[in-house]
Amino acid sequence: MHTHFDVDWSVAWRIATTALRELQEQLTTLLKAEFPLVASQLDQPH
């Protein structure tokens, strides 16, 4: 198990609130283009 004592919380917060949303959008676009059947499952309730 890795332990990180020097987390820059401002960077972690920025990633959690902005970068992850952007990454999700990019991955969704990629899935829709390359794997439409998989992408169609993203909109289905689980």
C-alpha atoms as a PDB file:
ATOM      1  CA  MET A   1       0.000   0.000   0.000  1.00  0.00           C
ATOM      2  CA  HIS A   2       1.325   3.405  -0.930  1.00  0.00           C
ATOM      3  CA  THR A   3       1.093   6.295   1.473  1.00  0.00           C
ATOM      4  CA  HIS A   4       1.248   9.881   0.258  1.00  0.00           C
ATOM      5  CA  PHE A   5       1.791  12.524   2.892  1.00  0.00           C
ATOM      6  CA  ASP A   6       2.327  15.467   0.575  1.00  0.00           C
ATOM      7  CA  VAL A   7      -0.979  15.689  -1.264  1.00  0.00           C
ATOM      8  CA  ASP A   8      -1.617  19.104  -2.790  1.00  0.00           C
ATOM      9  CA  TRP A   9      -5.289  19.337  -1.892  1.00  0.00           C
ATOM     10  CA  SER A  10      -5.931  22.261  -4.235  1.00  0.00           C
ATOM     11  CA  VAL A  11      -4.714  20.136  -7.151  1.00  0.00           C
ATOM     12  CA  ALA A  12      -6.717  17.128  -5.953  1.00  0.00           C
ATOM     13  CA  TRP A  13      -9.857  19.275  -5.701  1.00  0.00           C
ATOM     14  CA  ARG A  14      -9.322  20.746  -9.190  1.00  0.00           C
ATOM     15  CA  ILE A  15      -8.952  17.271 -10.674  1.00  0.00           C
ATOM     16  CA  ALA A  16     -12.014  15.977  -8.832  1.00  0.00           C
ATOM     17  CA  THR A  17     -14.200  18.898  -9.857  1.00  0.00           C
ATOM     18  CA  THR A  18     -13.033  19.694 -13.391  1.00  0.00           C
ATOM     19  CA  ALA A  19     -10.577  17.272 -14.932  1.00  0.00           C
ATOM     20  CA  LEU A  20     -12.618  14.141 -14.197  1.00  0.00           C
ATOM     21  CA  ARG A  21     -15.702  15.654 -15.797  1.00  0.00           C
ATOM     22  CA  GLU A  22     -13.683  16.515 -18.913  1.00  0.00           C
ATOM     23  CA  LEU A  23     -12.158  13.035 -19.012  1.00  0.00           C
ATOM     24  CA  GLN A  24     -15.606  11.456 -18.701  1.00  0.00           C
ATOM     25  CA  GLU A  25     -16.837  13.515 -21.656  1.00  0.00           C
ATOM     26  CA  GLN A  26     -13.821  12.510 -23.751  1.00  0.00           C
ATOM     27  CA  LEU A  27     -14.238   8.829 -22.903  1.00  0.00           C
ATOM     28  CA  THR A  28     -17.952   8.958 -23.695  1.00  0.00           C
ATOM     29  CA  THR A  29     -17.202  10.490 -27.100  1.00  0.00           C
ATOM     30  CA  LEU A  30     -14.601   7.806 -27.779  1.00  0.00           C
ATOM     31  CA  LEU A  31     -16.932   4.998 -26.721  1.00  0.00           C
ATOM     32  CA  LYS A  32     -19.742   6.325 -28.906  1.00  0.00           C
ATOM     33  CA  ALA A  33     -17.414   6.453 -31.916  1.00  0.00           C
ATOM     34  CA  GLU A  34     -15.583   3.157 -31.415  1.00  0.00           C
ATOM     35  CA  PHE A  35     -17.942   1.017 -29.338  1.00  0.00           C
ATOM     36  CA  PRO A  36     -21.529   2.214 -29.865  1.00  0.00           C
ATOM     37  CA  LEU A  37     -23.095  -0.861 -28.250  1.00  0.00           C
ATOM     38  CA  VAL A  38     -21.085  -0.306 -25.082  1.00  0.00           C
ATOM     39  CA  ALA A  39     -21.842   3.412 -25.139  1.00  0.00           C
ATOM     40  CA  SER A  40     -25.561   2.720 -25.450  1.00  0.00           C
ATOM     41  CA  GLN A  41     -25.399   0.862 -22.134  1.00  0.00           C
ATOM     42  CA  LEU A  42     -24.134   3.992 -20.369  1.00  0.00           C
ATOM     43  CA  ASP A  43     -27.551   5.594 -20.653  1.00  0.00           C
ATOM     44  CA  GLN A  44     -29.402   2.544 -19.332  1.00  0.00           C
ATOM     45  CA  PRO A  45     -30.472   2.454 -15.667  1.00  0.00           C
ATOM     46  CA  HIS A  46     -28.706  -0.253 -13.699  1.00  0.00           C
END
